[in-house]
């Protein structure tokens, strides 16, 4: 689920500010693939809220494509673990939510194009 080779490419240097740290966190989220749809969770629109503090604290509110997803219980830990590898991150909180329900409308344009939905 996590492409650790791509993840390690983004972790070579410490970020210099909050915006750079947020960019690194997003890059890390883009290394995590949905277990059922062959796209990353960020472009799929599974990340509802991302809060990155200058102190390195990261909070993520996310969903999955369906509440019946077989990895619903373990997937937040996968996300949390990947984010812990980002230099500059001091704490990670991942909250799994089901409201609003995910729909393909939340996908990025690039994701929809990749799946042939445009």
N, C-alpha and C. Protein backbone atom coordinates (compact mmCIF):
# COMPACT_ATOMS: atom_id res chain seq x y z
N UNK A 1 0.80 -1.20 0.00
CA UNK A 1 0.00 0.00 0.00
C UNK A 1 0.84 1.27 0.00
N UNK A 2 1.99 1.25 0.68
CA UNK A 2 2.86 2.43 0.72
C UNK A 2 4.06 2.16 -0.16
N UNK A 3 4.37 3.08 -1.04
CA UNK A 3 5.54 2.99 -1.89
C UNK A 3 6.70 3.62 -1.12
N UNK A 4 7.41 2.80 -0.35
CA UNK A 4 8.47 3.31 0.52
C UNK A 4 9.63 3.89 -0.27
N UNK A 5 9.87 3.43 -1.49
CA UNK A 5 10.94 4.00 -2.30
C UNK A 5 10.62 5.45 -2.66
N UNK A 6 9.39 5.71 -3.09
CA UNK A 6 8.99 7.08 -3.39
C UNK A 6 8.97 7.92 -2.12
N UNK A 7 8.50 7.34 -1.03
CA UNK A 7 8.44 8.06 0.23
C UNK A 7 9.84 8.51 0.65
N UNK A 8 10.82 7.64 0.52
CA UNK A 8 12.17 7.99 0.96
C UNK A 8 12.77 9.11 0.13
N UNK A 9 12.35 9.27 -1.13
CA UNK A 9 12.85 10.35 -1.98
C UNK A 9 12.47 11.72 -1.41
N UNK A 10 11.36 11.79 -0.68
CA UNK A 10 10.87 13.06 -0.15
C UNK A 10 11.40 13.36 1.25
N UNK A 11 12.25 12.50 1.77
CA UNK A 11 12.65 12.64 3.16
C UNK A 11 14.14 12.92 3.34
N UNK A 12 14.79 13.40 2.33
CA UNK A 12 16.23 13.57 2.40
C UNK A 12 16.68 14.73 3.26
N UNK A 13 15.93 15.83 3.28
CA UNK A 13 16.33 17.01 4.04
C UNK A 13 15.19 17.48 4.93
N UNK A 14 15.56 18.14 6.02
CA UNK A 14 14.54 18.71 6.90
C UNK A 14 13.86 19.89 6.21
N UNK A 15 12.54 19.99 6.34
CA UNK A 15 11.84 21.14 5.75
C UNK A 15 12.20 22.42 6.49
N UNK A 16 12.20 23.55 5.77
CA UNK A 16 12.59 24.81 6.38
C UNK A 16 11.42 25.59 6.97
N UNK A 17 10.20 25.31 6.54
CA UNK A 17 9.04 26.01 7.08
C UNK A 17 7.78 25.15 6.99
N UNK A 18 6.68 25.69 7.49
CA UNK A 18 5.42 24.94 7.54
C UNK A 18 4.92 24.56 6.14
N UNK A 19 5.05 25.49 5.19
CA UNK A 19 4.58 25.19 3.83
C UNK A 19 5.37 24.06 3.20
N UNK A 20 6.67 24.06 3.42
CA UNK A 20 7.49 22.98 2.90
C UNK A 20 7.15 21.66 3.59
N UNK A 21 6.93 21.72 4.90
CA UNK A 21 6.54 20.51 5.62
C UNK A 21 5.20 19.99 5.09
N UNK A 22 4.25 20.89 4.87
CA UNK A 22 2.96 20.46 4.33
C UNK A 22 3.13 19.81 2.95
N UNK A 23 3.98 20.38 2.12
CA UNK A 23 4.24 19.80 0.80
C UNK A 23 4.83 18.40 0.93
N UNK A 24 5.71 18.20 1.91
CA UNK A 24 6.30 16.88 2.13
C UNK A 24 5.26 15.89 2.65
N UNK A 25 4.37 16.36 3.51
CA UNK A 25 3.30 15.50 4.02
C UNK A 25 2.38 15.07 2.87
N UNK A 26 2.03 16.01 2.01
CA UNK A 26 1.19 15.68 0.86
C UNK A 26 1.92 14.70 -0.06
N UNK A 27 3.21 14.92 -0.28
CA UNK A 27 3.98 13.98 -1.10
C UNK A 27 3.96 12.59 -0.48
N UNK A 28 4.06 12.51 0.84
CA UNK A 28 4.00 11.22 1.52
C UNK A 28 2.62 10.59 1.35
N UNK A 29 1.56 11.39 1.47
CA UNK A 29 0.20 10.86 1.29
C UNK A 29 0.02 10.33 -0.13
N UNK A 30 0.70 10.94 -1.07
CA UNK A 30 0.58 10.48 -2.47
C UNK A 30 1.33 9.18 -2.72
N UNK A 31 2.10 8.70 -1.76
CA UNK A 31 2.76 7.40 -1.91
C UNK A 31 1.88 6.26 -1.41
N UNK A 32 0.76 6.60 -0.78
CA UNK A 32 -0.13 5.59 -0.19
C UNK A 32 -1.25 5.31 -1.17
N UNK A 33 -1.35 4.08 -1.59
CA UNK A 33 -2.36 3.68 -2.57
C UNK A 33 -3.59 3.11 -1.88
N UNK A 34 -4.74 3.43 -2.45
CA UNK A 34 -5.98 2.82 -1.99
C UNK A 34 -5.88 1.33 -2.30
N UNK A 35 -6.36 0.47 -1.39
CA UNK A 35 -6.22 -0.97 -1.62
C UNK A 35 -7.11 -1.51 -2.74
N UNK A 36 -8.15 -0.77 -3.13
CA UNK A 36 -9.06 -1.28 -4.15
C UNK A 36 -9.00 -0.52 -5.47
N UNK A 37 -8.71 0.78 -5.41
CA UNK A 37 -8.62 1.61 -6.61
C UNK A 37 -7.15 1.96 -6.78
N UNK A 38 -6.57 1.73 -7.93
CA UNK A 38 -5.12 1.89 -8.09
C UNK A 38 -4.64 3.35 -8.18
N UNK A 39 -5.04 4.16 -7.20
CA UNK A 39 -4.62 5.55 -7.13
C UNK A 39 -4.24 5.90 -5.70
N UNK A 40 -3.52 7.00 -5.55
CA UNK A 40 -3.13 7.40 -4.20
C UNK A 40 -4.30 8.05 -3.47
N UNK A 41 -4.25 7.99 -2.15
CA UNK A 41 -5.38 8.44 -1.33
C UNK A 41 -5.58 9.95 -1.38
N UNK A 42 -4.53 10.70 -1.67
CA UNK A 42 -4.67 12.16 -1.73
C UNK A 42 -5.46 12.56 -2.97
N UNK A 43 -5.06 12.06 -4.12
CA UNK A 43 -5.75 12.41 -5.36
C UNK A 43 -7.13 11.77 -5.48
N UNK A 44 -7.33 10.69 -4.76
CA UNK A 44 -8.67 10.09 -4.72
C UNK A 44 -9.66 10.94 -3.94
N UNK A 45 -9.14 11.89 -3.17
CA UNK A 45 -10.02 12.74 -2.37
C UNK A 45 -10.40 12.12 -1.04
N UNK A 46 -9.61 11.17 -0.58
CA UNK A 46 -9.90 10.52 0.71
C UNK A 46 -9.44 11.36 1.89
N UNK A 47 -8.61 12.36 1.64
CA UNK A 47 -8.15 13.25 2.70
C UNK A 47 -9.10 14.44 2.75
N UNK A 48 -9.92 14.51 3.77
CA UNK A 48 -10.90 15.59 3.91
C UNK A 48 -10.29 16.84 4.53
N UNK A 49 -9.35 16.65 5.43
CA UNK A 49 -8.75 17.80 6.10
C UNK A 49 -7.31 17.45 6.47
N UNK A 50 -6.42 18.38 6.20
CA UNK A 50 -5.02 18.21 6.55
C UNK A 50 -4.57 19.48 7.25
N UNK A 51 -4.08 19.32 8.47
CA UNK A 51 -3.59 20.45 9.26
C UNK A 51 -2.15 20.17 9.66
N UNK A 52 -1.25 20.98 9.16
CA UNK A 52 0.18 20.83 9.46
C UNK A 52 0.63 22.08 10.21
N UNK A 53 1.08 21.89 11.43
CA UNK A 53 1.56 22.99 12.26
C UNK A 53 3.06 23.17 12.09
N UNK A 54 3.53 24.39 12.32
CA UNK A 54 4.97 24.66 12.23
C UNK A 54 5.75 23.80 13.23
N UNK A 55 5.11 23.42 14.33
CA UNK A 55 5.76 22.58 15.34
C UNK A 55 5.96 21.14 14.86
N UNK A 56 5.35 20.80 13.72
CA UNK A 56 5.48 19.45 13.19
C UNK A 56 4.29 18.55 13.50
N UNK A 57 3.31 19.09 14.20
CA UNK A 57 2.11 18.30 14.48
C UNK A 57 1.25 18.23 13.23
N UNK A 58 0.81 17.02 12.90
CA UNK A 58 0.00 16.80 11.70
C UNK A 58 -1.29 16.11 12.10
N UNK A 59 -2.40 16.69 11.65
CA UNK A 59 -3.72 16.09 11.87
C UNK A 59 -4.36 15.82 10.52
N UNK A 60 -4.91 14.63 10.38
CA UNK A 60 -5.55 14.22 9.14
C UNK A 60 -6.95 13.71 9.45
N UNK A 61 -7.94 14.25 8.74
CA UNK A 61 -9.29 13.68 8.74
C UNK A 61 -9.46 13.05 7.39
N UNK A 62 -9.77 11.77 7.38
CA UNK A 62 -9.85 11.06 6.11
C UNK A 62 -11.01 10.07 6.11
N UNK A 63 -11.32 9.59 4.95
CA UNK A 63 -12.35 8.58 4.80
C UNK A 63 -11.81 7.47 3.91
N UNK A 64 -12.62 6.50 3.65
CA UNK A 64 -12.31 5.45 2.69
C UNK A 64 -13.45 5.42 1.68
N UNK A 65 -13.26 4.71 0.60
CA UNK A 65 -14.27 4.72 -0.45
C UNK A 65 -15.59 4.11 0.00
N UNK A 66 -15.54 3.24 0.99
CA UNK A 66 -16.74 2.62 1.53
C UNK A 66 -16.50 2.19 2.98
N UNK A 67 -17.52 2.29 3.83
CA UNK A 67 -17.36 1.82 5.21
C UNK A 67 -17.10 0.32 5.29
N UNK A 68 -17.44 -0.41 4.23
CA UNK A 68 -17.23 -1.86 4.21
C UNK A 68 -15.84 -2.25 3.72
N UNK A 69 -14.96 -1.26 3.56
CA UNK A 69 -13.60 -1.52 3.10
C UNK A 69 -12.92 -2.52 4.05
N UNK A 70 -12.30 -3.56 3.51
CA UNK A 70 -11.69 -4.58 4.36
C UNK A 70 -10.53 -4.08 5.22
N UNK A 71 -9.96 -2.92 4.89
CA UNK A 71 -8.84 -2.40 5.67
C UNK A 71 -9.25 -1.20 6.53
N UNK A 72 -10.54 -1.02 6.73
CA UNK A 72 -11.03 0.16 7.46
C UNK A 72 -10.40 0.30 8.85
N UNK A 73 -10.19 -0.80 9.53
CA UNK A 73 -9.63 -0.72 10.88
C UNK A 73 -8.13 -0.45 10.87
N UNK A 74 -7.42 -0.95 9.88
CA UNK A 74 -5.96 -0.84 9.89
C UNK A 74 -5.42 0.31 9.04
N UNK A 75 -6.18 0.82 8.12
CA UNK A 75 -5.65 1.81 7.18
C UNK A 75 -5.20 3.12 7.83
N UNK A 76 -5.91 3.64 8.82
CA UNK A 76 -5.41 4.86 9.48
C UNK A 76 -4.00 4.68 10.05
N UNK A 77 -3.68 3.50 10.53
CA UNK A 77 -2.34 3.23 11.05
C UNK A 77 -1.32 3.24 9.92
N UNK A 78 -1.69 2.76 8.75
CA UNK A 78 -0.80 2.80 7.58
C UNK A 78 -0.47 4.26 7.25
N UNK A 79 -1.49 5.11 7.24
CA UNK A 79 -1.29 6.54 6.95
C UNK A 79 -0.42 7.18 8.03
N UNK A 80 -0.74 6.90 9.28
CA UNK A 80 0.03 7.48 10.39
C UNK A 80 1.50 7.07 10.30
N UNK A 81 1.76 5.82 10.04
CA UNK A 81 3.13 5.33 9.95
C UNK A 81 3.89 6.01 8.83
N UNK A 82 3.27 6.16 7.67
CA UNK A 82 3.93 6.82 6.54
C UNK A 82 4.28 8.26 6.89
N UNK A 83 3.39 8.95 7.59
CA UNK A 83 3.64 10.35 7.93
C UNK A 83 4.73 10.51 8.99
N UNK A 84 4.87 9.51 9.86
CA UNK A 84 5.93 9.56 10.86
C UNK A 84 7.31 9.57 10.22
N UNK A 85 7.43 9.05 9.00
CA UNK A 85 8.71 9.00 8.31
C UNK A 85 9.12 10.34 7.72
N UNK A 86 8.23 11.32 7.71
CA UNK A 86 8.53 12.62 7.12
C UNK A 86 9.34 13.44 8.12
N UNK A 87 10.55 13.86 7.72
CA UNK A 87 11.37 14.70 8.59
C UNK A 87 10.62 15.97 8.93
N UNK A 88 10.66 16.34 10.19
CA UNK A 88 9.98 17.54 10.65
C UNK A 88 8.64 17.26 11.31
N UNK A 89 8.10 16.06 11.09
CA UNK A 89 6.83 15.68 11.73
C UNK A 89 7.13 15.23 13.15
N UNK A 90 6.45 15.85 14.11
CA UNK A 90 6.68 15.51 15.51
C UNK A 90 5.54 14.71 16.12
N UNK A 91 4.36 14.81 15.54
CA UNK A 91 3.20 14.08 16.05
C UNK A 91 2.21 13.92 14.91
N UNK A 92 1.51 12.79 14.89
CA UNK A 92 0.53 12.51 13.84
C UNK A 92 -0.75 11.99 14.46
N UNK A 93 -1.85 12.60 14.06
CA UNK A 93 -3.17 12.13 14.47
C UNK A 93 -3.99 11.90 13.20
N UNK A 94 -4.49 10.69 13.03
CA UNK A 94 -5.32 10.36 11.87
C UNK A 94 -6.69 9.95 12.37
N UNK A 95 -7.70 10.67 11.89
CA UNK A 95 -9.09 10.38 12.27
C UNK A 95 -9.83 9.87 11.03
N UNK A 96 -10.44 8.71 11.15
CA UNK A 96 -11.24 8.14 10.07
C UNK A 96 -12.69 8.55 10.27
N UNK A 97 -13.28 9.18 9.24
CA UNK A 97 -14.65 9.66 9.32
C UNK A 97 -15.45 9.10 8.14
N UNK A 98 -16.76 9.06 8.32
CA UNK A 98 -17.62 8.53 7.25
C UNK A 98 -18.58 9.59 6.69
N UNK A 99 -18.56 10.77 7.28
CA UNK A 99 -19.42 11.86 6.81
C UNK A 99 -18.55 13.03 6.39
N UNK A 100 -18.75 13.58 5.25
CA UNK A 100 -19.68 13.14 4.23
C UNK A 100 -19.16 11.87 3.55
N UNK A 101 -20.06 11.07 3.01
CA UNK A 101 -19.62 9.86 2.31
C UNK A 101 -18.75 10.23 1.11
N UNK A 102 -17.75 9.43 0.83
CA UNK A 102 -16.88 9.68 -0.31
C UNK A 102 -17.64 9.45 -1.61
N UNK A 103 -17.32 10.26 -2.61
CA UNK A 103 -17.85 10.04 -3.96
C UNK A 103 -16.75 10.40 -4.95
N UNK A 104 -16.91 9.97 -6.18
CA UNK A 104 -15.90 10.23 -7.20
C UNK A 104 -15.75 11.72 -7.48
N UNK A 105 -16.70 12.53 -7.07
CA UNK A 105 -16.61 13.98 -7.24
C UNK A 105 -15.46 14.57 -6.43
N UNK A 106 -15.01 13.86 -5.41
CA UNK A 106 -13.93 14.36 -4.56
C UNK A 106 -12.54 14.08 -5.13
N UNK A 107 -12.48 13.31 -6.20
CA UNK A 107 -11.19 12.99 -6.82
C UNK A 107 -10.64 14.21 -7.55
N UNK A 108 -9.33 14.29 -7.62
CA UNK A 108 -8.70 15.35 -8.40
C UNK A 108 -8.99 15.10 -9.88
N UNK A 109 -8.82 16.14 -10.67
CA UNK A 109 -9.04 16.00 -12.11
C UNK A 109 -8.07 14.97 -12.70
N UNK A 110 -6.83 14.97 -12.22
CA UNK A 110 -5.83 14.02 -12.69
C UNK A 110 -6.26 12.58 -12.39
N UNK A 111 -6.84 12.36 -11.21
CA UNK A 111 -7.30 11.02 -10.83
C UNK A 111 -8.45 10.56 -11.72
N UNK A 112 -9.40 11.48 -11.95
CA UNK A 112 -10.53 11.12 -12.83
C UNK A 112 -10.06 10.83 -14.24
N UNK A 113 -9.09 11.60 -14.71
CA UNK A 113 -8.54 11.37 -16.03
C UNK A 113 -7.85 10.01 -16.10
N UNK A 114 -7.09 9.68 -15.06
CA UNK A 114 -6.38 8.41 -15.02
C UNK A 114 -7.33 7.22 -15.02
N UNK A 115 -8.50 7.39 -14.40
CA UNK A 115 -9.49 6.31 -14.36
C UNK A 115 -10.45 6.36 -15.55
N UNK A 116 -10.24 7.32 -16.44
CA UNK A 116 -11.10 7.41 -17.62
C UNK A 116 -12.48 7.96 -17.33
N UNK A 117 -12.59 8.78 -16.29
CA UNK A 117 -13.88 9.35 -15.93
C UNK A 117 -14.10 10.73 -16.53
N UNK A 118 -13.14 11.23 -17.29
CA UNK A 118 -13.30 12.55 -17.95
C UNK A 118 -13.36 12.36 -19.44
